[in-house]
Protein backbone atom coordinates (compact mmCIF):
# COMPACT_ATOMS: atom_id res chain seq x y z
CA MET A 1 -1.64 -13.72 -13.33
CA ASN A 2 1.42 -13.45 -16.05
CA ARG A 3 3.18 -10.48 -13.91
CA LYS A 4 5.97 -7.87 -15.57
CA THR A 5 4.94 -4.95 -13.64
CA VAL A 6 4.44 -4.65 -9.97
CA MET A 7 1.60 -2.62 -9.95
CA LEU A 8 0.04 -0.41 -6.26
CA GLY A 9 -4.07 0.91 -6.36
CA VAL A 10 -4.47 3.91 -4.80
CA VAL A 11 -8.29 4.27 -3.91
CA GLY A 12 -10.39 7.41 -2.24
CA ASP A 13 -12.96 9.44 -1.94
CA SER A 14 -12.53 12.28 -4.16
CA ALA A 15 -9.89 14.68 -2.43
CA SER A 16 -8.76 12.45 -0.15
CA GLY A 17 -4.97 13.18 -1.30
CA LYS A 18 -4.24 10.08 -3.83
CA THR A 19 -3.23 12.22 -6.05
CA THR A 20 -0.67 14.14 -4.06
CA LEU A 21 0.28 10.53 -2.20
CA THR A 22 0.87 9.22 -5.83
CA LYS A 23 3.29 12.03 -7.19
CA GLY A 24 5.54 11.36 -4.15
CA ILE A 25 6.29 7.78 -4.77
CA VAL A 26 6.88 8.94 -8.46
CA ASN A 27 9.38 11.54 -7.32
CA LEU A 28 11.17 8.60 -4.96
CA LEU A 29 11.61 6.55 -7.38
CA GLY A 30 12.29 8.64 -10.34
CA GLU A 31 9.95 9.15 -13.12
CA GLU A 32 11.46 6.67 -15.19
CA ASN A 33 10.63 3.80 -12.84
CA VAL A 34 6.99 4.32 -12.67
CA THR A 35 4.28 5.39 -14.74
CA ALA A 36 1.00 6.83 -12.77
CA ILE A 37 -2.64 7.02 -14.39
CA CYS A 38 -5.63 7.98 -12.74
CA SER A 39 -8.89 5.71 -13.30
CA ASP A 40 -10.83 8.52 -13.36
CA ASP A 41 -10.23 8.97 -16.94
CA TYR A 42 -12.47 6.14 -18.10
CA HIS A 43 -15.69 7.90 -17.03
CA ARG A 44 -17.97 7.04 -19.15
CA TYR A 45 -19.99 10.74 -19.13
CA ASN A 46 -18.64 14.24 -19.37
CA ARG A 47 -19.62 16.36 -17.01
CA GLU A 48 -23.10 17.97 -19.04
CA GLN A 49 -23.88 14.55 -19.32
CA ARG A 50 -23.76 13.18 -15.71
CA ARG A 51 -25.63 16.50 -14.71
CA ALA A 52 -28.84 15.61 -17.09
CA MET A 53 -28.87 12.12 -16.18
CA GLY A 54 -28.74 12.97 -12.73
CA ILE A 55 -25.80 10.49 -12.26
CA THR A 56 -22.25 10.68 -10.23
CA ALA A 57 -18.61 10.21 -11.22
CA LEU A 58 -18.81 7.15 -8.30
CA ASN A 59 -21.42 5.61 -9.85
CA PRO A 60 -19.76 2.51 -10.93
CA ALA A 61 -22.48 2.79 -13.94
CA CYS A 62 -20.91 5.91 -14.76
CA ASN A 63 -17.60 4.43 -15.64
CA TYR A 64 -16.07 1.83 -18.04
CA VAL A 65 -15.05 -0.74 -15.37
CA ASP A 66 -14.77 -3.50 -18.26
CA ILE A 67 -12.08 -1.26 -20.34
CA MET A 68 -10.93 -0.65 -16.30
CA GLU A 69 -10.24 -3.82 -16.27
CA GLN A 70 -8.43 -5.21 -19.44
CA HIS A 71 -6.51 -2.01 -19.02
CA PHE A 72 -4.92 -2.70 -15.45
CA ASN A 73 -4.88 -6.38 -16.91
CA LEU A 74 -2.36 -5.53 -19.94
CA LEU A 75 -0.38 -2.82 -17.84
CA ARG A 76 0.48 -5.93 -15.37
CA GLN A 77 2.12 -8.05 -18.33
CA GLY A 78 3.83 -5.00 -19.45
CA GLN A 79 1.79 -4.24 -22.36
CA PRO A 80 0.96 -1.02 -23.75
CA ILE A 81 -2.46 0.65 -23.48
CA LEU A 82 -4.81 3.59 -25.36
CA LYS A 83 -5.39 5.10 -22.61
CA PRO A 84 -8.50 7.59 -22.27
CA VAL A 85 -7.77 11.29 -21.00
CA TYR A 86 -10.99 13.02 -18.92
CA ASN A 87 -10.15 16.74 -17.97
CA HIS A 88 -11.03 17.83 -14.87
CA SER A 89 -10.83 21.85 -15.81
CA THR A 90 -13.33 21.39 -18.74
CA GLY A 91 -15.68 18.36 -17.68
CA ASP A 92 -15.13 16.41 -21.13
CA PHE A 93 -12.85 14.44 -22.84
CA ASP A 94 -9.11 14.71 -24.52
CA PRO A 95 -7.59 12.93 -26.84
CA PRO A 96 -6.44 9.34 -25.93
CA GLU A 97 -3.08 8.77 -24.25
CA TYR A 98 -0.68 5.81 -25.72
CA ILE A 99 0.59 4.71 -22.32
CA ARG A 100 3.89 1.92 -22.12
CA PRO A 101 4.64 0.42 -18.28
CA ALA A 102 6.61 1.01 -16.47
CA LYS A 103 8.51 -1.86 -14.24
CA PHE A 104 6.40 0.17 -11.64
CA VAL A 105 2.58 0.73 -12.17
CA ILE A 106 0.54 3.54 -9.93
CA VAL A 107 -3.24 3.60 -10.36
CA GLU A 108 -4.94 6.53 -8.42
CA GLY A 109 -8.69 6.94 -8.41
CA LEU A 110 -12.22 6.15 -7.22
CA LEU A 111 -13.28 2.90 -7.96
CA GLY A 112 -9.94 0.76 -8.49
CA PHE A 113 -11.10 -1.92 -6.26
CA HIS A 114 -14.17 -2.38 -6.91
CA SER A 115 -14.58 -5.52 -8.83
CA ARG A 116 -12.43 -8.91 -7.91
CA VAL A 117 -10.79 -8.68 -11.69
CA MET A 118 -9.33 -5.49 -10.99
CA ARG A 119 -8.04 -5.85 -7.69
CA ASN A 120 -6.12 -8.96 -8.42
CA CYS A 121 -4.02 -6.78 -10.95
CA PHE A 122 -2.48 -5.13 -7.45
CA ASP A 123 0.35 -6.85 -5.28
CA VAL A 124 -0.44 -3.63 -3.22
CA LYS A 125 -3.67 -1.79 -2.44
CA VAL A 126 -3.82 1.44 -0.34
CA TYR A 127 -7.50 3.30 1.08
CA LEU A 128 -7.30 6.82 1.85
CA ALA A 129 -9.49 8.14 4.67
CA PRO A 130 -9.06 11.40 6.09
CA VAL A 131 -11.54 12.63 8.49
CA GLU A 132 -14.36 14.12 6.85
CA ASP A 133 -14.26 17.64 7.51
CA LEU A 134 -10.54 17.85 6.06
CA ARG A 135 -11.72 15.82 3.26
CA VAL A 136 -14.36 18.54 2.63
CA GLU A 137 -11.95 21.21 3.44
CA TRP A 138 -9.59 19.80 0.79
CA LYS A 139 -12.38 19.27 -1.52
CA ILE A 140 -13.34 22.97 -1.80
CA LYS A 141 -9.53 24.26 -1.86
CA ARG A 142 -9.03 22.26 -4.79
CA ASP A 143 -11.73 22.83 -6.96
CA THR A 144 -12.09 26.29 -6.21
CA SER A 145 -9.07 26.98 -6.69
CA LYS A 146 -7.87 24.62 -10.15
CA ARG A 147 -11.77 23.32 -11.32
CA GLY A 148 -13.30 26.28 -11.97
CA TYR A 149 -15.89 25.34 -9.23
CA THR A 150 -17.24 28.30 -6.32
CA ARG A 151 -17.62 27.08 -3.25
CA GLU A 152 -21.61 26.18 -3.39
CA GLN A 153 -21.11 24.59 -6.50
CA VAL A 154 -18.05 21.96 -4.60
CA LEU A 155 -20.87 21.93 -1.67
CA ARG A 156 -23.82 20.94 -4.07
CA SER A 157 -21.94 18.64 -5.27
CA LEU A 158 -20.92 16.59 -2.12
CA ASN A 159 -23.85 16.34 -0.97
CA ALA A 160 -25.44 14.72 -4.03
CA ARG A 161 -22.30 12.06 -3.82
CA VAL A 162 -23.05 11.15 0.03
CA ASP A 163 -25.09 8.24 -0.86
CA ASP A 164 -22.88 6.91 -3.39
CA ALA A 165 -19.24 7.40 -1.29
CA ALA A 166 -21.20 5.35 1.21
CA HIS A 167 -22.12 2.72 -1.43
CA PHE A 168 -19.38 2.39 -3.66
CA ILE A 169 -15.92 4.09 -2.57
CA HIS A 170 -16.21 3.66 1.59
CA PRO A 171 -17.11 -0.45 0.89
CA GLN A 172 -13.24 -0.52 -0.98
CA ARG A 173 -11.87 -0.26 2.21
CA SER A 174 -11.70 -3.30 3.28
CA PHE A 175 -9.75 -4.86 0.12
CA SER A 176 -7.18 -2.43 1.01
CA ASP A 177 -3.69 -3.78 2.28
CA LEU A 178 -2.96 -0.23 3.91
CA VAL A 179 -5.48 2.86 5.34
CA VAL A 180 -4.06 5.92 5.74
CA SER A 181 -5.81 8.62 7.48
CA PHE A 182 -5.19 11.91 7.87
CA TYR A 183 -6.52 14.56 10.68
CA PRO A 184 -5.67 17.26 13.29
CA PRO A 185 -4.31 17.78 16.09
CA ASP A 186 -6.61 17.69 19.58
CA GLN A 187 -5.09 20.92 20.24
CA ASN A 188 -5.37 22.44 16.49
CA LYS A 189 -8.88 21.30 14.89
CA LYS A 190 -8.35 23.69 12.16
CA GLU A 191 -4.96 22.28 10.79
CA THR A 192 -5.24 21.10 6.62
CA GLY A 193 -2.27 20.71 5.71
CA SER A 194 1.94 20.44 6.97
CA HIS A 195 0.72 19.67 10.68
CA LEU A 196 -1.61 17.08 10.57
CA ASN A 197 -1.32 13.67 12.16
CA VAL A 198 -1.46 10.77 10.36
CA GLN A 199 -2.44 7.19 11.23
CA MET A 200 -1.79 4.12 9.67
CA ALA A 201 -3.34 0.75 9.79
CA LEU A 202 -0.61 -1.80 8.44
CA LYS A 203 -3.54 -5.23 7.69
CA PRO A 204 -1.69 -8.62 7.11
CA SER A 205 -2.94 -9.46 4.17
CA ILE A 206 0.74 -8.14 2.63
CA PRO A 207 4.23 -8.47 4.78
CA HIS A 208 4.81 -5.24 6.71
CA PRO A 209 9.02 -4.01 7.63
CA ASP A 210 10.29 -4.62 11.01
CA LEU A 211 10.31 -1.26 11.83
CA GLY A 212 11.87 -1.64 15.82
CA ASP A 213 14.99 0.82 14.11
CA VAL A 214 12.77 3.37 13.64
CA LEU A 215 10.14 2.90 16.66
CA GLU A 216 13.58 2.91 18.23
CA HIS A 217 14.64 6.82 17.73
CA ALA A 218 11.57 7.52 17.53
CA ALA A 219 11.20 9.70 20.62
CA ASN A 220 11.65 13.76 20.36
CA SER A 221 13.62 16.13 22.12
CA ASP A 222 11.10 16.16 24.93
CA GLY A 223 10.52 12.39 24.90
CA THR A 224 6.85 12.29 23.32
CA PRO A 225 7.33 9.69 20.71
CA ALA A 226 6.93 11.23 17.11
CA ILE A 227 6.12 7.77 15.90
CA SER A 228 4.04 4.73 17.76
CA MET A 229 2.87 1.70 16.93
CA SER A 230 0.30 -0.34 18.57
CA LEU A 231 -1.63 -3.71 18.14
CA GLY A 232 -5.27 -2.59 17.06
CA ARG A 233 -8.33 -3.09 14.21
CA ASP A 234 -9.41 -1.50 11.13
CA GLU A 235 -13.25 -2.07 10.76
CA GLY A 236 -12.89 -4.69 13.69
CA LYS A 237 -9.82 -6.52 12.04
CA PRO A 238 -6.56 -6.96 13.32
CA ALA A 239 -4.28 -4.58 12.11
CA ASP A 240 -1.00 -2.97 13.56
CA ILE A 241 -1.68 0.86 13.87
CA LEU A 242 1.36 3.56 12.78
CA ASN A 243 0.49 6.91 14.09
CA VAL A 244 2.89 9.97 12.82
CA ASP A 245 2.60 13.25 15.31
CA GLY A 246 2.53 16.06 12.88
CA ASN A 247 4.14 18.13 14.82
CA ILE A 248 7.40 16.36 13.85
CA SER A 249 10.87 18.62 12.91
CA ALA A 250 12.28 18.74 10.43
CA GLU A 251 15.45 16.97 12.36
CA LYS A 252 13.65 13.97 13.21
CA SER A 253 11.68 13.43 10.48
CA GLY A 254 14.85 13.39 8.53
CA GLU A 255 16.61 10.79 10.41
CA LEU A 256 13.63 8.31 10.50
CA GLU A 257 13.76 9.04 6.54
CA LYS A 258 16.99 7.87 6.23
CA LEU A 259 15.78 4.98 8.81
CA LEU A 260 13.08 4.17 6.31
CA GLY A 261 15.73 4.79 3.15
CA ASN A 262 17.90 1.96 4.59
CA HIS A 263 15.43 -0.31 4.30
CA LEU A 264 14.21 0.71 0.64
CA MET A 265 17.82 1.29 -0.50
CA SER A 266 18.34 -2.93 0.28
CA VAL A 267 15.90 -3.50 -2.61
CA ALA A 268 15.93 0.11 -4.73
CA SER A 269 18.91 1.28 -6.98
CA ALA A 270 18.22 4.91 -6.04
CA LEU A 271 16.13 7.40 -3.82
CA ASN A 272 14.99 10.88 -4.83
CA LEU A 273 14.00 12.60 -1.35
CA GLU A 274 13.88 16.16 -2.79
CA LYS A 275 9.87 16.07 -3.68
CA LEU A 276 8.92 14.12 -0.86
CA GLY A 277 6.14 14.81 1.20
CA VAL A 278 5.63 17.70 -1.11
CA PHE A 279 1.78 19.25 -1.10
CA ASN A 280 -0.06 22.14 -2.77
CA ASP A 281 -2.96 23.47 -0.69
CA GLY A 282 -4.25 25.50 -4.17
CA SER A 283 -1.81 28.18 -4.33
CA LYS A 284 1.30 26.88 -3.20
CA ASP A 285 3.59 24.61 -2.17
CA HIS A 286 4.02 23.01 1.22
CA VAL A 287 5.90 19.81 2.87
CA SER A 288 4.34 17.70 5.23
CA TYR A 289 7.04 15.28 6.71
CA PRO A 290 4.24 13.03 8.22
CA LEU A 291 3.53 12.36 4.57
CA ALA A 292 6.59 12.22 3.25
CA LEU A 293 6.84 8.79 6.02
CA ALA A 294 3.53 7.51 4.74
CA GLN A 295 5.11 8.03 1.18
CA MET A 296 8.20 6.13 1.56
CA LEU A 297 6.39 3.48 4.14
CA ILE A 298 4.51 2.74 0.49
CA ALA A 299 7.45 2.94 -1.65
CA TYR A 300 9.20 0.25 0.14
CA HIS A 301 6.33 -2.09 -0.07
CA LEU A 302 6.18 -1.73 -3.95
CA VAL A 303 9.47 -2.03 -4.65
CA ARG A 304 9.55 -4.78 -1.92
CA ALA A 305 6.58 -6.52 -4.54
CA GLN A 306 9.00 -6.78 -7.14
CA ASP A 307 10.38 -10.08 -5.98
CA PRO A 308 8.02 -12.02 -3.71
CA VAL A 309 10.33 -15.26 -3.70
CA GLN A 310 13.33 -13.03 -1.83
CA VAL A 311 11.25 -11.85 0.59
CA ALA A 312 9.32 -15.70 1.52
CA THR A 313 13.27 -16.53 1.65
CA GLN A 314 13.83 -13.67 4.34
């Protein structure tokens, strides 16, 4: 396929952290270098129509999959698109938006890996899989604070989507190159923010950086590992499993960010670390160091994909 842009796909269930992850990568690489779009804009029906029809937004039949395929192909070729706009606050559609892609394109949403045509557009594919109790809490916070729902309405919506999530969202995990899973530490099962652990399954479908220098400096002041890596499996298939401790200190995170930044700077001209790891809990911004390190690792893969010939010869 003719390629003029580098494309990253970020897929996961509703409120799994897709937008937060994407914003950090955009800030890191610079808004002038990255075009980010949400595939939720391609819903076929508005909120009232979906309610009347008894169909959820997770169902491919509720989305213009064919238009997504066409637009993703155009973006990959560096061509502009007239993208639809779904307004989550009103539950209806706003006027379409003219999008001209930058050199990097990130598509985040529910169904980005649903069809082979869409999957083939992406150089890097990331699936977000936070533990379910955590995702539910994130969705309640987001939808009650930003989208005008009550807690009871959110819980009813979640219950109505269980089957569609199992049939249409979760199977896309198998097509990803990286799986990112946030989960609370054993000593604080109620943690939902800054001190969440993160586990990343690095699959052999794409080349991953040699993180020997990062792991060499990964010990906390008490000797426990802030980052560790082991051989493991994701959905029964081999993968390198990278774990980041949610209690990593700001100093240790900064040290490891610099080391990861060295990997990135070998292929990127500039990095903006100012908003790395920032997330909003529905009322104010916070910083998660494990999130920051995950964003840097994914950005590395995106930038490295600019020149597959260079990668193959190194």
